[in-house]
């Protein structure tokens, strides 16, 4: 079932080209397993062969997993390698995993490596590294740092690779409504979600792969990567979910941190339920801002009264549940879930609002092509019809990172609260209180909400946008406080902002990364006015 309650957490840069979507929705699950206690670090001698490895750098062409990557990686200035890490850190002599790494070497007096992660979880850091190295080509950061992107274990070019559905199965999933709240409808949705969990287990390499794919293990990979890159200390920029990775690394290895920029923050103390509700409220806020902007145009497809925009959107999209709209000249059809998904894709970044206006206008005329293309971006579907594994990775990693709901009444209450927070995405058919695929997962969660213990951590910088739809502003305030670090507030309406062209933000971030100079307390920047504003 593709019926998002929690949406992907990745940077605005990635929002334009790739993403991930959670399956929600699930037959009788086993009793939930308790969260595992944190594993004590393996003795350094047992990991010596991993920490002491030498990376073998070469051309990046063989690391591309999409047509876009094939074009981006065809650059002599880029070099790639694979990092070997234990699949299970409690069994360092057992199976191993390989992490794909991409590097653009510093052009001047090198400080070290700048590791970047776009979020998700499930988005490709190698793709971000390639695009960021071009965007920052003439900047002080490219002169002083090797720009390094990596695909976390299970993602993109890394192996074993998370795999749950083939391309044809994804097309079926995207058309699946799962809107029947009756006991029979709930049972059907749960059977589908149970099958999804089984497919992930079988196609991704077994239960031990799924058990060890979470952030707990990724940050240990990052520390091995830091050493393999020759850096005594880690310099890191994480967007969205990447802030969780950064704060988790700070807790596990505070003594190994040089600088952390965390943009679009997840509050480590917040429960999954509360974050889901808050995120839905954030998207409704973004929808309302879009509607107000659209209403300034006489031909706005939602009308000239922003207070009626949600009802207008529902009237435009809900009929798709019974009559999907033709798209791509009739070669495809736009389903109701894809119409909502395409809309959410455009709400990540206000630059997409004009395209969303066009998409809704053409849908009113019976053509779903633009919203379908936006949904393709969100769902990681290439123009060739091939799906990347970002969506599967998002679900799989979330199943070991997030708290689980194993009670249908609790699941129903979460969906009800989410619909109240974001009525524009409510299908109006009633709450389908089906458990999601994580309720059937073959391994217990490896993380839980808590206050990070970061004694000895040097000063960090958290960036938070006031109108961020996916990671609300307050989460950045809370994360900065939890890390006893600095906060840069940015007035605007988009998800993440660092090193994306805003001079005020970029100067502060660059000064911190290069010189470790923090902004003054209360530092604030502003984005350009939203379209039409």
Protein backbone atom coordinates (compact mmCIF):
# COMPACT_ATOMS: atom_id res chain seq x y z
CA UNK A 1 0.00 0.00 0.00
CA UNK A 2 1.45 3.37 -1.01
CA UNK A 3 -0.45 5.64 1.35
CA UNK A 4 2.06 7.92 2.99
CA UNK A 5 1.59 8.89 6.60
CA UNK A 6 5.26 9.76 7.09
CA UNK A 7 7.04 11.31 4.11
CA UNK A 8 10.69 11.05 3.11
CA UNK A 9 13.24 13.23 4.80
CA UNK A 10 15.73 14.42 2.22
CA UNK A 11 17.18 17.71 1.06
CA UNK A 12 15.51 20.15 -1.29
CA UNK A 13 18.22 19.33 -3.82
CA UNK A 14 17.18 15.69 -3.82
CA UNK A 15 13.49 16.63 -3.78
CA UNK A 16 13.87 17.70 -7.37
CA UNK A 17 15.24 14.39 -8.63
CA UNK A 18 14.71 11.43 -6.30
CA UNK A 19 12.94 10.35 -3.13
CA UNK A 20 11.39 7.61 -1.05
CA UNK A 21 7.92 6.82 0.18
CA UNK A 22 6.73 4.85 3.21
CA UNK A 23 4.27 2.00 2.84
CA UNK A 24 1.55 2.27 5.37
CA UNK A 25 -1.31 0.53 5.92
CA UNK A 26 -0.97 -4.64 7.50
CA UNK A 27 -2.62 -10.13 9.02
CA UNK A 28 -1.96 -10.83 12.53
CA UNK A 29 1.58 -9.71 13.42
CA UNK A 30 3.85 -11.34 15.91
CA UNK A 31 4.21 -9.58 19.24
CA UNK A 32 6.57 -6.61 18.86
CA UNK A 33 10.15 -7.35 19.81
CA UNK A 34 11.79 -5.04 22.35
CA UNK A 35 14.26 -2.41 21.23
CA UNK A 36 17.77 -3.80 21.41
CA UNK A 37 20.08 -2.24 23.93
CA UNK A 38 22.97 -0.31 22.37
CA UNK A 39 25.75 -2.65 21.37
CA UNK A 40 29.11 -2.08 23.06
CA UNK A 41 31.79 -1.21 20.54
CA UNK A 42 33.82 -4.15 19.27
CA UNK A 43 37.42 -3.99 20.44
CA UNK A 44 39.51 -1.97 17.96
CA UNK A 45 41.72 -4.97 17.26
CA UNK A 46 38.71 -6.87 15.93
CA UNK A 47 37.99 -4.07 13.46
CA UNK A 48 41.59 -3.31 12.58
CA UNK A 49 41.38 -4.78 9.09
CA UNK A 50 38.46 -2.45 8.29
CA UNK A 51 40.01 0.68 9.80
CA UNK A 52 43.35 -0.02 8.14
CA UNK A 53 42.01 -0.64 4.63
CA UNK A 54 43.25 1.39 1.68
CA UNK A 55 40.58 2.53 -0.76
CA UNK A 56 41.17 1.69 -4.40
CA UNK A 57 40.00 4.74 -6.37
CA UNK A 58 38.96 4.62 -10.01
CA UNK A 59 36.38 5.87 -12.54
CA UNK A 60 32.80 6.18 -11.32
CA UNK A 61 30.89 4.83 -14.34
CA UNK A 62 30.40 1.35 -12.86
CA UNK A 63 28.83 2.85 -9.72
CA UNK A 64 25.92 4.54 -11.50
CA UNK A 65 22.51 3.03 -10.73
CA UNK A 66 20.39 5.34 -12.88
CA UNK A 67 20.57 7.15 -16.20
CA UNK A 68 20.99 10.44 -14.34
CA UNK A 69 23.95 9.03 -12.40
CA UNK A 70 25.53 7.67 -15.56
CA UNK A 71 25.62 11.18 -16.97
CA UNK A 72 26.72 12.82 -13.71
CA UNK A 73 29.44 10.28 -12.94
CA UNK A 74 31.03 10.62 -16.39
CA UNK A 75 33.47 13.22 -15.08
CA UNK A 76 37.23 12.82 -14.86
CA UNK A 77 37.28 15.01 -11.76
CA UNK A 78 35.33 12.36 -9.85
CA UNK A 79 36.70 9.12 -8.48
CA UNK A 80 34.95 6.25 -6.76
CA UNK A 81 35.76 3.31 -4.48
CA UNK A 82 34.12 0.71 -2.28
CA UNK A 83 34.57 0.61 1.48
CA UNK A 84 34.33 -2.79 3.17
CA UNK A 85 32.53 -2.94 6.51
CA UNK A 86 31.14 -5.73 8.71
CA UNK A 87 27.53 -6.59 7.91
CA UNK A 88 27.02 -7.27 11.63
CA UNK A 89 29.39 -5.43 13.97
CA UNK A 90 28.95 -8.12 16.61
CA UNK A 91 30.41 -10.58 14.08
CA UNK A 92 33.36 -8.74 12.49
CA UNK A 93 34.70 -11.99 11.03
CA UNK A 94 31.39 -12.78 9.31
CA UNK A 95 29.69 -11.40 6.21
CA UNK A 96 30.72 -7.99 4.96
CA UNK A 97 28.99 -5.12 3.15
CA UNK A 98 30.43 -2.73 0.60
CA UNK A 99 29.71 1.01 0.76
CA UNK A 100 29.96 3.03 -2.45
CA UNK A 101 32.03 6.22 -2.09
CA UNK A 102 32.50 9.15 -4.51
CA UNK A 103 35.11 11.89 -4.16
CA UNK A 104 36.00 15.20 -5.78
CA UNK A 105 39.45 16.15 -4.52
CA UNK A 106 40.22 19.56 -3.06
CA UNK A 107 41.74 22.01 -5.53
CA UNK A 108 43.70 24.07 -2.98
CA UNK A 109 45.10 23.91 0.55
CA UNK A 110 43.24 20.86 1.87
CA UNK A 111 41.58 20.87 5.29
CA UNK A 112 40.21 17.34 4.92
CA UNK A 113 37.11 15.60 3.61
CA UNK A 114 33.59 17.02 3.72
CA UNK A 115 31.18 14.09 3.93
CA UNK A 116 27.67 14.87 2.68
CA UNK A 117 24.40 12.99 3.08
CA UNK A 118 21.10 14.05 1.43
CA UNK A 119 18.73 12.27 3.80
CA UNK A 120 15.89 9.91 3.04
CA UNK A 121 16.79 7.56 4.49
CA UNK A 122 17.56 5.92 1.18
CA UNK A 123 18.77 8.85 -0.97
CA UNK A 124 22.14 8.48 -2.68
CA UNK A 125 25.04 10.38 -1.17
CA UNK A 126 27.13 9.59 -4.22
CA UNK A 127 24.61 11.41 -6.41
CA UNK A 128 24.64 14.37 -4.03
CA UNK A 129 28.44 14.39 -3.95
CA UNK A 130 28.59 14.57 -7.74
CA UNK A 131 26.05 17.40 -8.02
CA UNK A 132 27.46 19.33 -5.07
CA UNK A 133 31.02 19.17 -6.40
CA UNK A 134 29.85 20.84 -9.62
CA UNK A 135 27.76 23.43 -7.79
CA UNK A 136 30.62 24.34 -5.42
CA UNK A 137 33.36 24.06 -8.05
CA UNK A 138 34.65 27.63 -7.60
CA UNK A 139 33.84 27.98 -3.91
CA UNK A 140 36.24 27.98 -0.93
CA UNK A 141 34.73 24.67 0.15
CA UNK A 142 35.82 22.91 -3.05
CA UNK A 143 39.27 24.43 -2.65
CA UNK A 144 39.70 23.33 0.96
CA UNK A 145 37.81 20.03 1.09
CA UNK A 146 37.51 16.78 -0.77
CA UNK A 147 33.75 16.61 -1.40
CA UNK A 148 32.78 13.04 -0.48
CA UNK A 149 29.39 11.41 -0.96
CA UNK A 150 28.61 7.85 0.06
CA UNK A 151 25.67 5.50 -0.39
CA UNK A 152 24.83 4.17 3.09
CA UNK A 153 24.67 0.39 3.43
CA UNK A 154 21.84 -1.05 1.36
CA UNK A 155 21.41 2.12 -0.71
CA UNK A 156 22.22 2.75 -4.38
CA UNK A 157 25.63 1.40 -5.33
CA UNK A 158 26.28 -0.21 -1.95
CA UNK A 159 25.91 -3.97 -1.48
CA UNK A 160 24.04 -6.01 -0.37
CA UNK A 161 21.43 -3.75 -1.95
CA UNK A 162 17.93 -3.38 -0.53
CA UNK A 163 15.43 -4.75 -3.04
CA UNK A 164 11.73 -5.35 -2.42
CA UNK A 165 9.78 -4.80 -5.64
CA UNK A 166 10.56 -4.95 -9.34
CA UNK A 167 9.46 -2.24 -11.74
CA UNK A 168 6.17 -3.88 -12.69
CA UNK A 169 5.30 -4.49 -9.03
CA UNK A 170 5.91 -0.83 -8.28
CA UNK A 171 3.43 0.19 -10.96
CA UNK A 172 0.82 -2.05 -9.33
CA UNK A 173 1.58 -0.58 -5.91
CA UNK A 174 1.21 2.98 -7.13
CA UNK A 175 -2.26 2.23 -8.48
CA UNK A 176 -3.37 0.38 -5.33
CA UNK A 177 -5.82 2.52 -3.36
CA UNK A 178 -6.28 0.60 -0.09
CA UNK A 179 -9.22 2.80 0.91
CA UNK A 180 -11.58 0.14 2.32
CA UNK A 181 -11.86 0.61 6.12
CA UNK A 182 -13.93 -2.56 6.60
CA UNK A 183 -12.42 -5.61 8.34
CA UNK A 184 -12.03 -7.25 4.93
CA UNK A 185 -10.27 -4.16 3.56
CA UNK A 186 -7.92 -4.00 6.54
CA UNK A 187 -7.11 -7.70 6.17
CA UNK A 188 -6.32 -7.25 2.48
CA UNK A 189 -4.01 -4.30 3.13
CA UNK A 190 -2.22 -6.13 5.91
CA UNK A 191 -1.73 -9.19 3.69
CA UNK A 192 -0.11 -6.94 1.09
CA UNK A 193 2.16 -5.36 3.69
CA UNK A 194 3.14 -8.74 5.09
CA UNK A 195 4.03 -9.86 1.56
CA UNK A 196 6.09 -6.71 1.12
CA UNK A 197 8.14 -7.50 4.24
CA UNK A 198 8.70 -11.06 3.00
CA UNK A 199 9.83 -9.86 -0.41
CA UNK A 200 12.28 -7.42 1.15
CA UNK A 201 13.77 -10.20 3.26
CA UNK A 202 14.10 -12.63 0.36
CA UNK A 203 15.40 -10.17 -2.23
CA UNK A 204 17.75 -8.10 -0.06
CA UNK A 205 19.93 -10.94 1.18
CA UNK A 206 18.15 -12.24 4.28
CA UNK A 207 17.07 -11.14 7.71
CA UNK A 208 20.60 -10.30 8.85
CA UNK A 209 20.82 -7.64 6.14
CA UNK A 210 17.55 -6.02 7.23
CA UNK A 211 18.51 -6.26 10.91
CA UNK A 212 21.74 -4.29 10.44
CA UNK A 213 20.79 -1.61 7.94
CA UNK A 214 19.79 1.12 10.37
CA UNK A 215 21.46 4.33 11.48
CA UNK A 216 23.11 2.58 14.42
CA UNK A 217 25.27 0.63 11.99
CA UNK A 218 25.67 3.36 9.37
CA UNK A 219 27.45 5.68 11.78
CA UNK A 220 30.00 2.97 12.51
CA UNK A 221 30.56 2.68 8.76
CA UNK A 222 31.07 6.46 8.67
CA UNK A 223 33.81 6.23 11.28
CA UNK A 224 35.62 3.57 9.27
CA UNK A 225 35.21 5.78 6.17
CA UNK A 226 36.65 8.75 8.06
CA UNK A 227 39.77 6.73 8.83
CA UNK A 228 40.04 5.32 5.31
CA UNK A 229 39.91 8.87 3.91
CA UNK A 230 42.84 9.82 6.12
CA UNK A 231 40.91 12.25 8.33
CA UNK A 232 41.64 12.43 12.02
CA UNK A 233 38.30 14.17 12.61
CA UNK A 234 34.98 14.11 10.75
CA UNK A 235 33.62 17.15 8.89
CA UNK A 236 30.02 16.43 7.90
CA UNK A 237 27.00 18.06 6.26
CA UNK A 238 23.73 16.18 6.69
CA UNK A 239 20.36 17.17 5.30
CA UNK A 240 17.03 16.08 6.78
CA UNK A 241 17.32 12.39 7.82
CA UNK A 242 21.06 13.02 7.45
CA UNK A 243 20.76 15.09 10.65
CA UNK A 244 19.81 11.90 12.48
CA UNK A 245 22.92 10.27 11.08
CA UNK A 246 25.00 13.24 12.20
CA UNK A 247 23.61 13.39 15.72
CA UNK A 248 23.94 9.62 16.09
CA UNK A 249 27.58 9.84 15.01
CA UNK A 250 28.12 12.66 17.49
CA UNK A 251 26.81 10.44 20.26
CA UNK A 252 28.83 7.38 19.23
CA UNK A 253 32.08 9.18 18.40
CA UNK A 254 32.07 12.70 19.91
CA UNK A 255 35.85 12.70 20.14
CA UNK A 256 36.12 12.15 16.37
CA UNK A 257 34.06 15.19 15.31
CA UNK A 258 35.60 18.31 13.79
CA UNK A 259 32.45 19.99 12.46
CA UNK A 260 28.80 19.05 11.94
CA UNK A 261 26.25 21.02 9.90
CA UNK A 262 22.75 19.60 10.38
CA UNK A 263 20.11 21.10 8.07
CA UNK A 264 16.40 20.18 8.25
CA UNK A 265 16.59 18.51 11.63
CA UNK A 266 14.97 15.51 13.23
CA UNK A 267 14.50 15.92 16.96
CA UNK A 268 16.15 12.81 18.49
CA UNK A 269 13.81 12.91 21.47
CA UNK A 270 10.59 13.03 19.46
CA UNK A 271 8.46 9.92 19.07
CA UNK A 272 7.64 8.58 15.62
CA UNK A 273 3.95 9.29 16.19
CA UNK A 274 4.46 12.91 17.15
CA UNK A 275 6.92 13.55 14.33
CA UNK A 276 4.47 12.04 11.84
CA UNK A 277 1.65 14.31 13.01
CA UNK A 278 3.92 17.36 13.05
CA UNK A 279 5.19 16.58 9.55
CA UNK A 280 1.66 16.31 8.22
CA UNK A 281 0.86 19.65 9.79
CA UNK A 282 3.97 21.05 8.10
CA UNK A 283 2.79 19.88 4.69
CA UNK A 284 -0.65 21.39 5.30
CA UNK A 285 1.06 24.66 6.18
CA UNK A 286 3.03 24.44 2.91
CA UNK A 287 -0.16 23.61 0.99
CA UNK A 288 -1.92 26.62 2.51
CA UNK A 289 1.01 28.86 1.56
CA UNK A 290 0.91 27.51 -1.99
CA UNK A 291 -2.84 28.04 -2.16
CA UNK A 292 -2.50 31.66 -0.99
CA UNK A 293 0.12 32.27 -3.65
CA UNK A 294 -1.95 30.54 -6.32
CA UNK A 295 -5.05 32.55 -5.40
CA UNK A 296 -3.34 35.72 -6.63
CA UNK A 297 -3.67 34.39 -10.17
CA UNK A 298 -7.08 34.65 -11.88
CA UNK A 299 -6.73 31.16 -13.35
CA UNK A 300 -5.74 29.42 -10.10
CA UNK A 301 -7.23 25.90 -10.27
CA UNK A 302 -8.03 26.05 -6.54
CA UNK A 303 -9.93 29.32 -6.80
CA UNK A 304 -9.34 32.78 -5.33
CA UNK A 305 -10.28 31.96 -1.74
CA UNK A 306 -7.38 30.24 0.05
CA UNK A 307 -9.75 29.17 2.85
CA UNK A 308 -11.55 26.95 0.33
CA UNK A 309 -8.40 25.55 -1.32
CA UNK A 310 -8.38 22.26 0.58
CA UNK A 311 -11.98 21.55 -0.39
CA UNK A 312 -11.21 22.51 -3.99
CA UNK A 313 -8.22 20.20 -4.06
CA UNK A 314 -10.29 17.33 -2.66
CA UNK A 315 -12.99 17.93 -5.27
CA UNK A 316 -10.36 17.84 -8.00
CA UNK A 317 -8.45 14.75 -6.85
CA UNK A 318 -10.90 12.46 -5.05
CA UNK A 319 -12.75 11.48 -8.26
CA UNK A 320 -9.49 9.82 -9.36
CA UNK A 321 -10.26 7.00 -6.91
CA UNK A 322 -13.04 5.91 -9.26
CA UNK A 323 -11.76 7.31 -12.57
CA UNK A 324 -7.97 7.69 -12.96
CA UNK A 325 -6.91 10.39 -15.40
CA UNK A 326 -4.96 9.68 -18.59
CA UNK A 327 -1.31 10.75 -18.59
CA UNK A 328 1.51 10.77 -21.12
CA UNK A 329 -0.92 10.80 -24.02
CA UNK A 330 -2.87 7.86 -22.64
CA UNK A 331 0.16 5.59 -22.18
CA UNK A 332 -0.26 5.81 -18.39
CA UNK A 333 -2.96 6.76 -15.90
CA UNK A 334 -2.78 9.04 -12.88
CA UNK A 335 -4.17 7.40 -9.73
CA UNK A 336 -5.45 9.24 -6.68
CA UNK A 337 -2.37 8.29 -4.61
CA UNK A 338 -0.08 9.61 -7.36
CA UNK A 339 -2.00 12.90 -7.55
CA UNK A 340 -1.45 13.45 -3.83
CA UNK A 341 2.15 12.25 -4.07
CA UNK A 342 2.91 14.62 -6.95
CA UNK A 343 1.44 17.49 -4.96
CA UNK A 344 3.58 16.67 -1.93
CA UNK A 345 6.66 16.50 -4.16
CA UNK A 346 6.02 20.09 -5.25
CA UNK A 347 5.47 21.29 -1.67
CA UNK A 348 9.05 20.47 -0.64
CA UNK A 349 10.30 23.50 -2.56
CA UNK A 350 8.40 26.71 -3.36
CA UNK A 351 10.20 26.88 -6.73
CA UNK A 352 7.91 24.00 -7.76
CA UNK A 353 4.69 25.89 -7.02
CA UNK A 354 4.20 27.22 -10.58
CA UNK A 355 4.58 23.67 -11.89
CA UNK A 356 2.05 22.42 -9.34
CA UNK A 357 -0.40 25.11 -10.47
CA UNK A 358 -0.01 23.92 -14.04
CA UNK A 359 -0.39 20.30 -12.97
CA UNK A 360 -3.64 20.93 -11.14
CA UNK A 361 -4.94 23.05 -14.03
CA UNK A 362 -4.23 20.34 -16.58
CA UNK A 363 -5.77 17.73 -14.28
CA UNK A 364 -8.95 19.82 -14.20
CA UNK A 365 -8.89 19.53 -18.00
CA UNK A 366 -8.48 15.75 -17.80
CA UNK A 367 -4.70 15.40 -18.25
CA UNK A 368 -2.67 13.94 -15.37
CA UNK A 369 0.77 14.10 -17.02
CA UNK A 370 2.39 16.83 -14.92
CA UNK A 371 1.28 15.39 -11.58
CA UNK A 372 2.39 11.96 -12.79
CA UNK A 373 5.86 13.30 -13.58
CA UNK A 374 6.07 14.92 -10.15
CA UNK A 375 5.02 11.62 -8.56
CA UNK A 376 7.70 9.85 -10.62
CA UNK A 377 10.34 12.14 -9.11
CA UNK A 378 9.07 11.39 -5.63
CA UNK A 379 8.94 7.66 -6.28
CA UNK A 380 12.45 7.47 -7.75
CA UNK A 381 11.23 6.42 -11.22
CA UNK A 382 13.53 7.23 -14.11
CA UNK A 383 12.39 8.27 -17.57
CA UNK A 384 13.21 4.75 -18.73
CA UNK A 385 10.60 3.33 -16.34
CA UNK A 386 13.17 1.85 -13.97
CA UNK A 387 12.80 2.49 -10.25
CA UNK A 388 15.77 3.15 -8.01
CA UNK A 389 15.85 1.54 -4.60
CA UNK A 390 15.45 4.76 -2.65
CA UNK A 391 11.83 4.02 -1.76
CA UNK A 392 12.53 0.51 -0.58
CA UNK A 393 15.54 1.71 1.41
CA UNK A 394 13.42 4.40 3.07
CA UNK A 395 10.92 1.81 4.26
CA UNK A 396 13.48 -0.81 5.28
CA UNK A 397 15.69 1.59 7.22
CA UNK A 398 12.67 3.22 8.87
CA UNK A 399 11.53 -0.22 10.05
CA UNK A 400 14.67 -0.59 12.17
CA UNK A 401 15.09 3.08 13.07
CA UNK A 402 11.54 3.97 14.08
CA UNK A 403 9.17 2.91 16.83
CA UNK A 404 6.60 0.35 15.73
CA UNK A 405 2.86 0.22 16.10
CA UNK A 406 1.50 -3.29 16.59
CA UNK A 407 -2.00 -2.30 17.68
CA UNK A 408 -4.62 -1.46 15.06
CA UNK A 409 -6.40 1.00 17.32
CA UNK A 410 -3.16 2.95 17.76
CA UNK A 411 -2.53 2.83 14.02
CA UNK A 412 -6.03 4.09 13.34
CA UNK A 413 -5.58 6.93 15.80
CA UNK A 414 -2.32 7.94 14.11
CA UNK A 415 -3.98 8.05 10.69
CA UNK A 416 -6.92 10.01 12.11
CA UNK A 417 -4.60 12.58 13.69
CA UNK A 418 -2.54 12.80 10.49
CA UNK A 419 -5.69 13.41 8.42
CA UNK A 420 -6.76 16.15 10.81
CA UNK A 421 -3.32 17.73 10.56
CA UNK A 422 -3.26 17.54 6.73
CA UNK A 423 -6.84 17.42 5.43
CA UNK A 424 -5.73 18.13 1.85
CA UNK A 425 -4.38 14.56 1.66
CA UNK A 426 -7.39 12.89 3.37
CA UNK A 427 -9.20 10.61 0.87
CA UNK A 428 -12.52 10.99 2.74
CA UNK A 429 -13.25 7.24 2.72
CA UNK A 430 -12.55 6.63 6.41
CA UNK A 431 -9.54 5.41 8.38
CA UNK A 432 -7.99 2.13 7.19
CA UNK A 433 -6.47 1.00 10.49
CA UNK A 434 -4.12 -1.54 8.92
CA UNK A 435 -0.66 -2.14 10.36
CA UNK A 436 2.25 -1.16 8.17
CA UNK A 437 5.01 -3.51 6.86
CA UNK A 438 7.24 -2.82 9.87
CA UNK A 439 4.82 -4.78 12.07
CA UNK A 440 5.90 -7.89 10.13
CA UNK A 441 9.61 -7.14 10.07
CA UNK A 442 12.03 -10.04 10.72
CA UNK A 443 14.20 -8.00 13.11
CA UNK A 444 13.56 -5.62 16.02
CA UNK A 445 14.23 -1.86 15.96
CA UNK A 446 17.75 -0.76 16.77
CA UNK A 447 16.99 2.84 17.79
CA UNK A 448 14.58 4.68 20.06
CA UNK A 449 13.92 8.32 20.98
CA UNK A 450 16.33 9.64 23.60
CA UNK A 451 18.39 12.61 24.69
CA UNK A 452 21.80 12.33 22.97
CA UNK A 453 24.75 11.88 25.29
CA UNK A 454 27.46 13.95 23.62
CA UNK A 455 30.00 14.85 26.27
CA UNK A 456 33.16 16.13 24.62
CA UNK A 457 31.42 17.10 21.36
CA UNK A 458 32.83 20.30 19.80
CA UNK A 459 30.47 23.10 18.73
CA UNK A 460 27.98 22.17 15.97
CA UNK A 461 25.71 24.18 13.65
CA UNK A 462 22.04 23.34 13.09
CA UNK A 463 20.12 25.09 10.28
CA UNK A 464 16.32 25.27 10.45
CA UNK A 465 13.81 26.90 8.06
CA UNK A 466 10.70 28.44 9.60
CA UNK A 467 8.34 27.09 6.92
CA UNK A 468 9.99 23.72 6.33
CA UNK A 469 7.16 21.31 5.40
CA UNK A 470 8.96 18.04 6.15
CA UNK A 471 11.02 18.79 9.26
CA UNK A 472 9.32 21.55 11.22
CA UNK A 473 11.40 24.48 12.48
CA UNK A 474 11.03 23.57 16.15
CA UNK A 475 12.84 20.26 15.60
CA UNK A 476 15.95 22.24 14.62
CA UNK A 477 15.65 24.36 17.73
CA UNK A 478 15.39 21.21 19.84
CA UNK A 479 18.30 19.44 18.12
CA UNK A 480 20.61 22.42 18.53
CA UNK A 481 19.74 22.50 22.22
CA UNK A 482 20.26 18.74 22.62
CA UNK A 483 23.75 19.04 21.11
CA UNK A 484 24.52 22.27 22.99
CA UNK A 485 25.30 23.75 19.59
CA UNK A 486 24.49 26.85 17.55
CA UNK A 487 21.29 27.48 15.59
CA UNK A 488 20.88 29.37 12.32
CA UNK A 489 17.21 30.24 11.71
CA UNK A 490 16.09 30.86 8.13
CA UNK A 491 12.82 32.56 7.24
CA UNK A 492 11.29 30.84 4.23
CA UNK A 493 9.22 27.96 2.89
CA UNK A 494 11.30 25.03 1.74
CA UNK A 495 12.91 21.87 3.06
CA UNK A 496 16.64 22.50 3.76
CA UNK A 497 18.72 25.41 2.47
CA UNK A 498 22.46 25.06 3.16
CA UNK A 499 24.80 25.50 0.17
CA UNK A 500 21.85 25.94 -2.19
CA UNK A 501 22.50 29.50 -3.33
CA UNK A 502 21.36 31.73 -0.46
CA UNK A 503 24.37 33.94 0.23
CA UNK A 504 23.56 34.66 3.86
CA UNK A 505 23.17 30.97 4.70
CA UNK A 506 26.06 29.77 2.56
CA UNK A 507 28.53 32.31 3.97
CA UNK A 508 27.72 31.27 7.54
CA UNK A 509 27.89 27.55 6.75
CA UNK A 510 31.14 27.89 4.77
CA UNK A 511 32.79 30.00 7.47
CA UNK A 512 31.94 27.35 10.05
CA UNK A 513 33.12 24.43 7.92
CA UNK A 514 36.41 26.04 6.89
CA UNK A 515 37.36 28.13 9.93
CA UNK A 516 35.08 26.66 12.64
CA UNK A 517 33.62 30.16 13.10
CA UNK A 518 30.07 30.00 14.49
CA UNK A 519 27.39 32.64 13.91
CA UNK A 520 26.31 34.86 16.82
CA UNK A 521 23.39 33.81 18.99
CA UNK A 522 20.09 34.53 17.30
CA UNK A 523 21.59 34.47 13.79
CA UNK A 524 18.94 34.69 11.11
CA UNK A 525 18.74 34.64 7.30
CA UNK A 526 15.84 34.95 4.84
CA UNK A 527 15.04 33.20 1.59
CA UNK A 528 13.81 35.05 -1.46
CA UNK A 529 10.04 35.73 -1.48
CA UNK A 530 7.91 32.79 -2.56
CA UNK A 531 6.60 32.75 -6.14
CA UNK A 532 4.12 35.56 -6.62
CA UNK A 533 4.91 36.98 -3.18
